[in-house]
């Protein structure tokens, strides 16, 4: 009887471990450095910590864009080799930029009208 209970308990333990393992690995993690797939926070898109900035391009340099947000504040976006830029933004254009908390731009594209 004791052997049957031990075998049953061991079987339940193994089944539980396998179920937890499958639950943990059923959703793969995005690769390091991949852009966030969550929706941007609602409200003012020019606040620090936001991951979507919309505004008018004031200045373009090799490694940065300066943008004026809807609230009138100027934001400097860092551009690097990993930044995906759709089209050819020019000074005066309205753009949307997906950015990290340190203002590194992952994607820049024309803002919807």
PDB file of N, CA and C in Angstrom:
ATOM      1  N   UNK A   1       0.826  -1.191   0.000  1.00  0.00           N
ATOM      2  CA  UNK A   1       0.000   0.000   0.000  1.00  0.00           C
ATOM      3  C   UNK A   1       0.878   1.265   0.000  1.00  0.00           C
ATOM      4  N   UNK A   2       1.940   1.225   0.826  1.00  0.00           N
ATOM      5  CA  UNK A   2       2.827   2.380   0.909  1.00  0.00           C
ATOM      6  C   UNK A   2       3.504   2.652  -0.444  1.00  0.00           C
ATOM      7  N   UNK A   3       3.896   1.622  -1.150  1.00  0.00           N
ATOM      8  CA  UNK A   3       4.532   1.770  -2.455  1.00  0.00           C
ATOM      9  C   UNK A   3       3.552   2.377  -3.461  1.00  0.00           C
ATOM     10  N   UNK A   4       2.289   1.984  -3.414  1.00  0.00           N
ATOM     11  CA  UNK A   4       1.277   2.514  -4.328  1.00  0.00           C
ATOM     12  C   UNK A   4       1.075   4.009  -4.074  1.00  0.00           C
ATOM     13  N   UNK A   5       1.031   4.405  -2.797  1.00  0.00           N
ATOM     14  CA  UNK A   5       0.853   5.825  -2.464  1.00  0.00           C
ATOM     15  C   UNK A   5       2.071   6.637  -2.902  1.00  0.00           C
ATOM     16  N   UNK A   6       3.264   6.089  -2.698  1.00  0.00           N
ATOM     17  CA  UNK A   6       4.484   6.775  -3.112  1.00  0.00           C
ATOM     18  C   UNK A   6       4.514   6.933  -4.632  1.00  0.00           C
ATOM     19  N   UNK A   7       4.144   5.892  -5.351  1.00  0.00           N
ATOM     20  CA  UNK A   7       4.123   5.939  -6.813  1.00  0.00           C
ATOM     21  C   UNK A   7       3.099   6.962  -7.301  1.00  0.00           C
ATOM     22  N   UNK A   8       1.924   6.972  -6.676  1.00  0.00           N
ATOM     23  CA  UNK A   8       0.878   7.918  -7.046  1.00  0.00           C
ATOM     24  C   UNK A   8       1.337   9.354  -6.778  1.00  0.00           C
ATOM     25  N   UNK A   9       1.935   9.594  -5.624  1.00  0.00           N
ATOM     26  CA  UNK A   9       2.421  10.936  -5.284  1.00  0.00           C
ATOM     27  C   UNK A   9       3.518  11.379  -6.248  1.00  0.00           C
ATOM     28  N   UNK A  10       4.418  10.478  -6.597  1.00  0.00           N
ATOM     29  CA  UNK A  10       5.477  10.797  -7.540  1.00  0.00           C
ATOM     30  C   UNK A  10       4.896  11.129  -8.916  1.00  0.00           C
ATOM     31  N   UNK A  11       3.895  10.401  -9.347  1.00  0.00           N
ATOM     32  CA  UNK A  11       3.239  10.665 -10.634  1.00  0.00           C
ATOM     33  C   UNK A  11       2.568  12.037 -10.656  1.00  0.00           C
ATOM     34  N   UNK A  12       1.881  12.376  -9.565  1.00  0.00           N
ATOM     35  CA  UNK A  12       1.233  13.691  -9.470  1.00  0.00           C
ATOM     36  C   UNK A  12       2.288  14.792  -9.502  1.00  0.00           C
ATOM     37  N   UNK A  13       3.397  14.606  -8.811  1.00  0.00           N
ATOM     38  CA  UNK A  13       4.473  15.597  -8.776  1.00  0.00           C
ATOM     39  C   UNK A  13       5.064  15.807 -10.170  1.00  0.00           C
ATOM     40  N   UNK A  14       5.323  14.732 -10.884  1.00  0.00           N
ATOM     41  CA  UNK A  14       5.892  14.833 -12.231  1.00  0.00           C
ATOM     42  C   UNK A  14       4.889  15.516 -13.166  1.00  0.00           C
ATOM     43  N   UNK A  15       3.611  15.140 -13.088  1.00  0.00           N
ATOM     44  CA  UNK A  15       2.589  15.760 -13.934  1.00  0.00           C
ATOM     45  C   UNK A  15       2.478  17.254 -13.635  1.00  0.00           C
ATOM     46  N   UNK A  16       2.502  17.626 -12.367  1.00  0.00           N
ATOM     47  CA  UNK A  16       2.418  19.041 -11.988  1.00  0.00           C
ATOM     48  C   UNK A  16       3.614  19.821 -12.517  1.00  0.00           C
ATOM     49  N   UNK A  17       4.806  19.263 -12.401  1.00  0.00           N
ATOM     50  CA  UNK A  17       6.007  19.940 -12.889  1.00  0.00           C
ATOM     51  C   UNK A  17       5.948  20.124 -14.401  1.00  0.00           C
ATOM     52  N   UNK A  18       5.470  19.118 -15.117  1.00  0.00           N
ATOM     53  CA  UNK A  18       5.370  19.213 -16.573  1.00  0.00           C
ATOM     54  C   UNK A  18       4.349  20.268 -16.973  1.00  0.00           C
ATOM     55  N   UNK A  19       3.233  20.344 -16.262  1.00  0.00           N
ATOM     56  CA  UNK A  19       2.195  21.332 -16.560  1.00  0.00           C
ATOM     57  C   UNK A  19       2.710  22.743 -16.318  1.00  0.00           C
ATOM     58  N   UNK A  20       3.398  22.972 -15.211  1.00  0.00           N
ATOM     59  CA  UNK A  20       3.955  24.291 -14.913  1.00  0.00           C
ATOM     60  C   UNK A  20       5.004  24.659 -15.955  1.00  0.00           C
ATOM     61  N   UNK A  21       5.823  23.719 -16.351  1.00  0.00           N
ATOM     62  CA  UNK A  21       6.847  23.974 -17.352  1.00  0.00           C
ATOM     63  C   UNK A  21       6.218  24.399 -18.671  1.00  0.00           C
ATOM     64  N   UNK A  22       5.146  23.734 -19.088  1.00  0.00           N
ATOM     65  CA  UNK A  22       4.473  24.098 -20.329  1.00  0.00           C
ATOM     66  C   UNK A  22       3.823  25.466 -20.216  1.00  0.00           C
ATOM     67  N   UNK A  23       3.238  25.781 -19.067  1.00  0.00           N
ATOM     68  CA  UNK A  23       2.589  27.071 -18.888  1.00  0.00           C
ATOM     69  C   UNK A  23       3.603  28.200 -18.944  1.00  0.00           C
ATOM     70  N   UNK A  24       4.770  27.993 -18.395  1.00  0.00           N
ATOM     71  CA  UNK A  24       5.781  29.040 -18.366  1.00  0.00           C
ATOM     72  C   UNK A  24       6.372  29.275 -19.744  1.00  0.00           C
ATOM     73  N   UNK A  25       6.526  28.236 -20.550  1.00  0.00           N
ATOM     74  CA  UNK A  25       7.190  28.385 -21.840  1.00  0.00           C
ATOM     75  C   UNK A  25       6.216  28.515 -23.008  1.00  0.00           C
ATOM     76  N   UNK A  26       4.905  28.589 -22.748  1.00  0.00           N
ATOM     77  CA  UNK A  26       3.969  28.653 -23.860  1.00  0.00           C
ATOM     78  C   UNK A  26       3.993  30.004 -24.569  1.00  0.00           C
ATOM     79  N   UNK A  27       4.419  31.081 -23.901  1.00  0.00           N
ATOM     80  CA  UNK A  27       4.533  32.389 -24.539  1.00  0.00           C
ATOM     81  C   UNK A  27       6.000  32.766 -24.628  1.00  0.00           C
ATOM     82  N   UNK A  28       6.570  32.769 -25.842  1.00  0.00           N
ATOM     83  CA  UNK A  28       7.996  33.094 -25.958  1.00  0.00           C
ATOM     84  C   UNK A  28       8.243  34.564 -25.649  1.00  0.00           C
ATOM     85  N   UNK A  29       9.395  34.840 -25.092  1.00  0.00           N
ATOM     86  CA  UNK A  29       9.796  36.214 -24.822  1.00  0.00           C
ATOM     87  C   UNK A  29      10.327  36.827 -26.103  1.00  0.00           C
ATOM     88  N   UNK A  30      10.085  38.142 -26.297  1.00  0.00           N
ATOM     89  CA  UNK A  30      10.651  38.782 -27.481  1.00  0.00           C
ATOM     90  C   UNK A  30      12.161  38.856 -27.360  1.00  0.00           C
ATOM     91  N   UNK A  31      12.876  38.904 -28.475  1.00  0.00           N
ATOM     92  CA  UNK A  31      14.331  38.996 -28.409  1.00  0.00           C
ATOM     93  C   UNK A  31      14.761  40.298 -27.740  1.00  0.00           C
ATOM     94  N   UNK A  32      15.937  40.279 -27.151  1.00  0.00           N
ATOM     95  CA  UNK A  32      16.456  41.468 -26.485  1.00  0.00           C
ATOM     96  C   UNK A  32      16.531  42.622 -27.473  1.00  0.00           C
ATOM     97  N   UNK A  33      16.072  43.778 -27.047  1.00  0.00           N
ATOM     98  CA  UNK A  33      16.117  44.959 -27.892  1.00  0.00           C
ATOM     99  C   UNK A  33      14.926  45.111 -28.815  1.00  0.00           C
ATOM    100  N   UNK A  34      14.001  44.140 -28.809  1.00  0.00           N
ATOM    101  CA  UNK A  34      12.829  44.242 -29.666  1.00  0.00           C
ATOM    102  C   UNK A  34      11.901  45.327 -29.122  1.00  0.00           C
ATOM    103  N   UNK A  35      11.189  46.041 -29.996  1.00  0.00           N
ATOM    104  CA  UNK A  35      10.286  47.084 -29.518  1.00  0.00           C
ATOM    105  C   UNK A  35       9.139  46.489 -28.733  1.00  0.00           C
ATOM    106  N   UNK A  36       8.597  47.274 -27.878  1.00  0.00           N
ATOM    107  CA  UNK A  36       7.472  46.849 -27.062  1.00  0.00           C
ATOM    108  C   UNK A  36       6.267  46.560 -27.932  1.00  0.00           C
ATOM    109  N   UNK A  37       5.489  45.531 -27.561  1.00  0.00           N
ATOM    110  CA  UNK A  37       4.289  45.224 -28.317  1.00  0.00           C
ATOM    111  C   UNK A  37       3.045  45.709 -27.597  1.00  0.00           C
ATOM    112  N   UNK A  38       3.211  46.315 -26.429  1.00  0.00           N
ATOM    113  CA  UNK A  38       2.054  46.810 -25.711  1.00  0.00           C
ATOM    114  C   UNK A  38       1.615  48.150 -26.288  1.00  0.00           C
ATOM    115  N   UNK A  39       0.361  48.474 -26.073  1.00  0.00           N
ATOM    116  CA  UNK A  39      -0.172  49.739 -26.577  1.00  0.00           C
ATOM    117  C   UNK A  39       0.422  50.896 -25.792  1.00  0.00           C
ATOM    118  N   UNK A  40       0.572  52.052 -26.426  1.00  0.00           N
ATOM    119  CA  UNK A  40       1.092  53.205 -25.709  1.00  0.00           C
ATOM    120  C   UNK A  40       0.105  53.663 -24.648  1.00  0.00           C
ATOM    121  N   UNK A  41       0.585  54.313 -23.594  1.00  0.00           N
ATOM    122  CA  UNK A  41      -0.327  54.768 -22.560  1.00  0.00           C
ATOM    123  C   UNK A  41      -1.237  55.862 -23.102  1.00  0.00           C
ATOM    124  N   UNK A  42      -2.482  55.938 -22.583  1.00  0.00           N
ATOM    125  CA  UNK A  42      -3.394  56.969 -23.061  1.00  0.00           C
ATOM    126  C   UNK A  42      -2.962  58.343 -22.564  1.00  0.00           C
ATOM    127  N   UNK A  43      -3.480  59.380 -23.201  1.00  0.00           N
ATOM    128  CA  UNK A  43      -3.221  60.732 -22.715  1.00  0.00           C
ATOM    129  C   UNK A  43      -2.137  61.434 -23.486  1.00  0.00           C
ATOM    130  N   UNK A  44      -1.403  62.285 -22.800  1.00  0.00           N
ATOM    131  CA  UNK A  44      -0.373  63.128 -23.404  1.00  0.00           C
ATOM    132  C   UNK A  44       0.783  62.268 -23.879  1.00  0.00           C
ATOM    133  N   UNK A  45       1.014  62.229 -25.181  1.00  0.00           N
ATOM    134  CA  UNK A  45       2.053  61.374 -25.744  1.00  0.00           C
ATOM    135  C   UNK A  45       3.435  61.992 -25.701  1.00  0.00           C
ATOM    136  N   UNK A  46       3.584  63.166 -25.114  1.00  0.00           N
ATOM    137  CA  UNK A  46       4.900  63.787 -25.064  1.00  0.00           C
ATOM    138  C   UNK A  46       5.511  63.710 -23.672  1.00  0.00           C
ATOM    139  N   UNK A  47       4.866  63.031 -22.756  1.00  0.00           N
ATOM    140  CA  UNK A  47       5.420  62.953 -21.418  1.00  0.00           C
ATOM    141  C   UNK A  47       6.595  61.992 -21.354  1.00  0.00           C
ATOM    142  N   UNK A  48       7.502  62.240 -20.421  1.00  0.00           N
ATOM    143  CA  UNK A  48       8.655  61.367 -20.238  1.00  0.00           C
ATOM    144  C   UNK A  48       8.152  59.988 -19.815  1.00  0.00           C
ATOM    145  N   UNK A  49       8.753  58.936 -20.369  1.00  0.00           N
ATOM    146  CA  UNK A  49       8.347  57.573 -20.038  1.00  0.00           C
ATOM    147  C   UNK A  49       7.331  57.021 -21.027  1.00  0.00           C
ATOM    148  N   UNK A  50       6.750  57.880 -21.845  1.00  0.00           N
ATOM    149  CA  UNK A  50       5.802  57.450 -22.850  1.00  0.00           C
ATOM    150  C   UNK A  50       6.568  56.723 -23.948  1.00  0.00           C
ATOM    151  N   UNK A  51       5.919  55.786 -24.626  1.00  0.00           N
ATOM    152  CA  UNK A  51       6.651  55.119 -25.700  1.00  0.00           C
ATOM    153  C   UNK A  51       6.169  55.550 -27.074  1.00  0.00           C
ATOM    154  N   UNK A  52       5.317  56.578 -27.159  1.00  0.00           N
ATOM    155  CA  UNK A  52       4.898  57.127 -28.437  1.00  0.00           C
ATOM    156  C   UNK A  52       4.905  58.645 -28.328  1.00  0.00           C
ATOM    157  N   UNK A  53       5.662  59.289 -29.190  1.00  0.00           N
ATOM    158  CA  UNK A  53       5.742  60.750 -29.203  1.00  0.00           C
ATOM    159  C   UNK A  53       5.269  61.226 -30.560  1.00  0.00           C
ATOM    160  N   UNK A  54       4.353  62.180 -30.563  1.00  0.00           N
ATOM    161  CA  UNK A  54       3.844  62.776 -31.789  1.00  0.00           C
ATOM    162  C   UNK A  54       4.164  64.256 -31.761  1.00  0.00           C
ATOM    163  N   UNK A  55       4.700  64.789 -32.857  1.00  0.00           N
ATOM    164  CA  UNK A  55       4.988  66.212 -32.881  1.00  0.00           C
ATOM    165  C   UNK A  55       5.573  66.679 -34.192  1.00  0.00           C
ATOM    166  N   UNK A  56       5.900  67.972 -34.223  1.00  0.00           N
ATOM    167  CA  UNK A  56       6.468  68.613 -35.409  1.00  0.00           C
ATOM    168  C   UNK A  56       7.983  68.585 -35.340  1.00  0.00           C
ATOM    169  N   UNK A  57       8.623  68.212 -36.445  1.00  0.00           N
ATOM    170  CA  UNK A  57      10.085  68.168 -36.511  1.00  0.00           C
ATOM    171  C   UNK A  57      10.610  69.604 -36.581  1.00  0.00           C
ATOM    172  N   UNK A  58      11.472  69.970 -35.614  1.00  0.00           N
ATOM    173  CA  UNK A  58      12.072  71.297 -35.585  1.00  0.00           C
ATOM    174  C   UNK A  58      13.477  71.307 -36.161  1.00  0.00           C
ATOM    175  N   UNK A  59      14.216  70.205 -35.965  1.00  0.00           N
ATOM    176  CA  UNK A  59      15.606  70.135 -36.397  1.00  0.00           C
ATOM    177  C   UNK A  59      15.969  68.671 -36.623  1.00  0.00           C
ATOM    178  N   UNK A  60      16.784  68.413 -37.645  1.00  0.00           N
ATOM    179  CA  UNK A  60      17.260  67.061 -37.930  1.00  0.00           C
ATOM    180  C   UNK A  60      18.776  67.108 -38.019  1.00  0.00           C
ATOM    181  N   UNK A  61      19.421  66.256 -37.235  1.00  0.00           N
ATOM    182  CA  UNK A  61      20.870  66.088 -37.304  1.00  0.00           C
ATOM    183  C   UNK A  61      21.150  64.615 -37.513  1.00  0.00           C
ATOM    184  N   UNK A  62      22.411  64.274 -37.718  1.00  0.00           N
ATOM    185  CA  UNK A  62      22.800  62.890 -37.999  1.00  0.00           C
ATOM    186  C   UNK A  62      22.308  61.916 -36.926  1.00  0.00           C
ATOM    187  N   UNK A  63      22.446  62.288 -35.658  1.00  0.00           N
ATOM    188  CA  UNK A  63      22.126  61.347 -34.576  1.00  0.00           C
ATOM    189  C   UNK A  63      20.962  61.790 -33.699  1.00  0.00           C
ATOM    190  N   UNK A  64      20.169  62.790 -34.149  1.00  0.00           N
ATOM    191  CA  UNK A  64      19.030  63.218 -33.335  1.00  0.00           C
ATOM    192  C   UNK A  64      18.015  64.033 -34.135  1.00  0.00           C
ATOM    193  N   UNK A  65      16.769  63.924 -33.693  1.00  0.00           N
ATOM    194  CA  UNK A  65      15.682  64.769 -34.194  1.00  0.00           C
ATOM    195  C   UNK A  65      15.200  65.591 -33.005  1.00  0.00           C
ATOM    196  N   UNK A  66      14.897  66.850 -33.221  1.00  0.00           N
ATOM    197  CA  UNK A  66      14.261  67.668 -32.202  1.00  0.00           C
ATOM    198  C   UNK A  66      12.816  67.846 -32.645  1.00  0.00           C
ATOM    199  N   UNK A  67      11.883  67.504 -31.748  1.00  0.00           N
ATOM    200  CA  UNK A  67      10.457  67.500 -32.058  1.00  0.00           C
ATOM    201  C   UNK A  67       9.722  68.350 -31.024  1.00  0.00           C
ATOM    202  N   UNK A  68       8.729  69.136 -31.480  1.00  0.00           N
ATOM    203  CA  UNK A  68       7.859  69.874 -30.565  1.00  0.00           C
ATOM    204  C   UNK A  68       6.570  69.091 -30.435  1.00  0.00           C
ATOM    205  N   UNK A  69       6.266  68.679 -29.206  1.00  0.00           N
ATOM    206  CA  UNK A  69       5.064  67.909 -28.948  1.00  0.00           C
ATOM    207  C   UNK A  69       3.830  68.793 -28.915  1.00  0.00           C
ATOM    208  N   UNK A  70       2.669  68.170 -28.766  1.00  0.00           N
ATOM    209  CA  UNK A  70       1.397  68.886 -28.728  1.00  0.00           C
ATOM    210  C   UNK A  70       1.333  69.872 -27.565  1.00  0.00           C
ATOM    211  N   UNK A  71       2.090  69.600 -26.500  1.00  0.00           N
ATOM    212  CA  UNK A  71       2.093  70.489 -25.335  1.00  0.00           C
ATOM    213  C   UNK A  71       3.092  71.637 -25.484  1.00  0.00           C
ATOM    214  N   UNK A  72       3.789  71.706 -26.634  1.00  0.00           N
ATOM    215  CA  UNK A  72       4.732  72.787 -26.891  1.00  0.00           C
ATOM    216  C   UNK A  72       6.148  72.520 -26.405  1.00  0.00           C
ATOM    217  N   UNK A  73       6.369  71.421 -25.704  1.00  0.00           N
ATOM    218  CA  UNK A  73       7.708  71.094 -25.206  1.00  0.00           C
ATOM    219  C   UNK A  73       8.553  70.482 -26.315  1.00  0.00           C
ATOM    220  N   UNK A  74       9.847  70.818 -26.305  1.00  0.00           N
ATOM    221  CA  UNK A  74      10.785  70.246 -27.269  1.00  0.00           C
ATOM    222  C   UNK A  74      11.384  68.966 -26.701  1.00  0.00           C
ATOM    223  N   UNK A  75      11.479  67.948 -27.540  1.00  0.00           N
ATOM    224  CA  UNK A  75      12.014  66.649 -27.146  1.00  0.00           C
ATOM    225  C   UNK A  75      13.096  66.273 -28.148  1.00  0.00           C
ATOM    226  N   UNK A  76      14.252  65.844 -27.660  1.00  0.00           N
ATOM    227  CA  UNK A  76      15.330  65.387 -28.534  1.00  0.00           C
ATOM    228  C   UNK A  76      15.273  63.864 -28.604  1.00  0.00           C
ATOM    229  N   UNK A  77      15.112  63.336 -29.810  1.00  0.00           N
ATOM    230  CA  UNK A  77      15.066  61.892 -30.028  1.00  0.00           C
ATOM    231  C   UNK A  77      16.429  61.425 -30.516  1.00  0.00           C
ATOM    232  N   UNK A  78      16.979  60.402 -29.863  1.00  0.00           N
ATOM    233  CA  UNK A  78      18.270  59.853 -30.269  1.00  0.00           C
ATOM    234  C   UNK A  78      18.058  58.880 -31.424  1.00  0.00           C
ATOM    235  N   UNK A  79      18.858  59.034 -32.485  1.00  0.00           N
ATOM    236  CA  UNK A  79      18.774  58.194 -33.673  1.00  0.00           C
ATOM    237  C   UNK A  79      20.061  57.378 -33.767  1.00  0.00           C
ATOM    238  N   UNK A  80      19.939  56.085 -34.089  1.00  0.00           N
ATOM    239  CA  UNK A  80      21.132  55.262 -34.297  1.00  0.00           C
ATOM    240  C   UNK A  80      20.858  54.264 -35.409  1.00  0.00           C
ATOM    241  N   UNK A  81      21.770  53.370 -35.625  1.00  0.00           N
ATOM    242  CA  UNK A  81      21.643  52.396 -36.706  1.00  0.00           C
ATOM    243  C   UNK A  81      20.436  51.487 -36.581  1.00  0.00           C
ATOM    244  N   UNK A  82      19.895  51.347 -35.379  1.00  0.00           N
ATOM    245  CA  UNK A  82      18.729  50.500 -35.163  1.00  0.00           C
ATOM    246  C   UNK A  82      17.408  51.225 -35.357  1.00  0.00           C
ATOM    247  N   UNK A  83      17.447  52.530 -35.598  1.00  0.00           N
ATOM    248  CA  UNK A  83      16.222  53.303 -35.772  1.00  0.00           C
ATOM    249  C   UNK A  83      15.656  53.066 -37.172  1.00  0.00           C
ATOM    250  N   UNK A  84      14.394  52.671 -37.241  1.00  0.00           N
ATOM    251  CA  UNK A  84      13.707  52.453 -38.521  1.00  0.00           C
ATOM    252  C   UNK A  84      12.948  53.736 -38.854  1.00  0.00           C
ATOM    253  N   UNK A  85      13.301  54.377 -39.962  1.00  0.00           N
ATOM    254  CA  UNK A  85      12.661  55.625 -40.366  1.00  0.00           C
ATOM    255  C   UNK A  85      11.886  55.374 -41.655  1.00  0.00           C
ATOM    256  N   UNK A  86      10.582  55.617 -41.608  1.00  0.00           N
ATOM    257  CA  UNK A  86       9.715  55.433 -42.769  1.00  0.00           C
ATOM    258  C   UNK A  86       9.627  56.760 -43.510  1.00  0.00           C
ATOM    259  N   UNK A  87       9.941  56.745 -44.784  1.00  0.00           N
ATOM    260  CA  UNK A  87       9.910  57.964 -45.582  1.00  0.00           C
ATOM    261  C   UNK A  87      11.138  58.819 -45.312  1.00  0.00           C
ATOM    262  N   UNK A  88      11.024  60.098 -45.658  1.00  0.00           N
ATOM    263  CA  UNK A  88      12.117  61.040 -45.450  1.00  0.00           C
ATOM    264  C   UNK A  88      11.564  62.257 -44.714  1.00  0.00           C
ATOM    265  N   UNK A  89      11.498  62.197 -43.386  1.00  0.00           N
ATOM    266  CA  UNK A  89      10.963  63.337 -42.643  1.00  0.00           C
ATOM    267  C   UNK A  89      11.810  64.586 -42.864  1.00  0.00           C
ATOM    268  N   UNK A  90      11.144  65.724 -42.915  1.00  0.00           N
ATOM    269  CA  UNK A  90      11.818  67.011 -43.074  1.00  0.00           C
ATOM    270  C   UNK A  90      11.351  67.944 -41.970  1.00  0.00           C
ATOM    271  N   UNK A  91      12.104  69.016 -41.767  1.00  0.00           N
ATOM    272  CA  UNK A  91      11.719  70.030 -40.792  1.00  0.00           C
ATOM    273  C   UNK A  91      10.329  70.536 -41.173  1.00  0.00           C
ATOM    274  N   UNK A  92       9.445  70.606 -40.184  1.00  0.00           N
ATOM    275  CA  UNK A  92       8.065  71.038 -40.398  1.00  0.00           C
ATOM    276  C   UNK A  92       7.080  69.892 -40.505  1.00  0.00           C
ATOM    277  N   UNK A  93       7.551  68.676 -40.807  1.00  0.00           N
ATOM    278  CA  UNK A  93       6.666  67.509 -40.896  1.00  0.00           C
ATOM    279  C   UNK A  93       6.208  67.085 -39.504  1.00  0.00           C
ATOM    280  N   UNK A  94       5.016  66.468 -39.443  1.00  0.00           N
ATOM    281  CA  UNK A  94       4.545  65.865 -38.191  1.00  0.00           C
ATOM    282  C   UNK A  94       4.896  64.383 -38.232  1.00  0.00           C
ATOM    283  N   UNK A  95       5.482  63.895 -37.156  1.00  0.00           N
ATOM    284  CA  UNK A  95       5.897  62.495 -37.085  1.00  0.00           C
ATOM    285  C   UNK A  95       5.373  61.854 -35.810  1.00  0.00           C
ATOM    286  N   UNK A  96       5.379  60.537 -35.811  1.00  0.00           N
ATOM    287  CA  UNK A  96       5.191  59.739 -34.602  1.00  0.00           C
ATOM    288  C   UNK A  96       6.463  58.937 -34.413  1.00  0.00           C
ATOM    289  N   UNK A  97       6.908  58.826 -33.180  1.00  0.00           N
ATOM    290  CA  UNK A  97       8.130  58.080 -32.887  1.00  0.00           C
ATOM    291  C   UNK A  97       7.891  57.163 -31.707  1.00  0.00           C
ATOM    292  N   UNK A  98       8.265  55.901 -31.862  1.00  0.00           N
ATOM    293  CA  UNK A  98       8.268  54.965 -30.740  1.00  0.00           C
ATOM    294  C   UNK A  98       9.632  55.092 -30.091  1.00  0.00           C
ATOM    295  N   UNK A  99       9.649  55.415 -28.804  1.00  0.00           N
ATOM    296  CA  UNK A  99      10.912  55.690 -28.131  1.00  0.00           C
ATOM    297  C   UNK A  99      11.017  54.930 -26.821  1.00  0.00           C
ATOM    298  N   UNK A 100      12.259  54.739 -26.385  1.00  0.00           N
ATOM    299  CA  UNK A 100      12.519  54.139 -25.085  1.00  0.00           C
ATOM    300  C   UNK A 100      12.499  55.237 -24.029  1.00  0.00           C
ATOM    301  N   UNK A 101      12.623  54.868 -22.774  1.00  0.00           N
ATOM    302  CA  UNK A 101      12.577  55.850 -21.690  1.00  0.00           C
ATOM    303  C   UNK A 101      13.738  56.834 -21.750  1.00  0.00           C
ATOM    304  N   UNK A 102      14.840  56.480 -22.432  1.00  0.00           N
ATOM    305  CA  UNK A 102      15.972  57.411 -22.553  1.00  0.00           C
ATOM    306  C   UNK A 102      15.929  58.188 -23.874  1.00  0.00           C
ATOM    307  N   UNK A 103      14.753  58.182 -24.540  1.00  0.00           N
ATOM    308  CA  UNK A 103      14.475  58.928 -25.779  1.00  0.00           C
ATOM    309  C   UNK A 103      15.196  58.384 -27.004  1.00  0.00           C
ATOM    310  N   UNK A 104      15.632  57.124 -26.982  1.00  0.00           N
ATOM    311  CA  UNK A 104      16.182  56.493 -28.176  1.00  0.00           C
ATOM    312  C   UNK A 104      15.012  56.065 -29.051  1.00  0.00           C
ATOM    313  N   UNK A 105      15.010  56.523 -30.309  1.00  0.00           N
ATOM    314  CA  UNK A 105      13.908  56.227 -31.222  1.00  0.00           C
ATOM    315  C   UNK A 105      14.090  54.855 -31.860  1.00  0.00           C
ATOM    316  N   UNK A 106      13.063  54.013 -31.759  1.00  0.00           N
ATOM    317  CA  UNK A 106      13.084  52.705 -32.414  1.00  0.00           C
ATOM    318  C   UNK A 106      12.475  52.823 -33.808  1.00  0.00           C
ATOM    319  N   UNK A 107      11.377  53.580 -33.923  1.00  0.00           N
ATOM    320  CA  UNK A 107      10.677  53.768 -35.194  1.00  0.00           C
ATOM    321  C   UNK A 107      10.236  55.214 -35.318  1.00  0.00           C
ATOM    322  N   UNK A 108      10.345  55.766 -36.518  1.00  0.00           N
ATOM    323  CA  UNK A 108       9.839  57.098 -36.813  1.00  0.00           C
ATOM    324  C   UNK A 108       9.050  56.978 -38.110  1.00  0.00           C
ATOM    325  N   UNK A 109       7.828  57.512 -38.111  1.00  0.00           N
ATOM    326  CA  UNK A 109       7.012  57.488 -39.324  1.00  0.00           C
ATOM    327  C   UNK A 109       6.116  58.722 -39.343  1.00  0.00           C
ATOM    328  N   UNK A 110       5.562  59.056 -40.523  1.00  0.00           N
ATOM    329  CA  UNK A 110       4.668  60.211 -40.599  1.00  0.00           C
ATOM    330  C   UNK A 110       3.474  60.039 -39.661  1.00  0.00           C
ATOM    331  N   UNK A 111       3.058  61.128 -39.013  1.00  0.00           N
ATOM    332  CA  UNK A 111       1.909  61.076 -38.116  1.00  0.00           C
ATOM    333  C   UNK A 111       0.630  61.064 -38.952  1.00  0.00           C
ATOM    334  N   UNK A 112      -0.374  60.312 -38.510  1.00  0.00           N
ATOM    335  CA  UNK A 112      -1.642  60.324 -39.223  1.00  0.00           C
ATOM    336  C   UNK A 112      -2.284  61.708 -39.126  1.00  0.00           C
ATOM    337  N   UNK A 113      -2.994  62.082 -40.148  1.00  0.00           N
ATOM    338  CA  UNK A 113      -3.630  63.419 -40.165  1.00  0.00           C
ATOM    339  C   UNK A 113      -5.003  63.373 -39.581  1.00  0.00           C
TER     340      UNK A 113
END
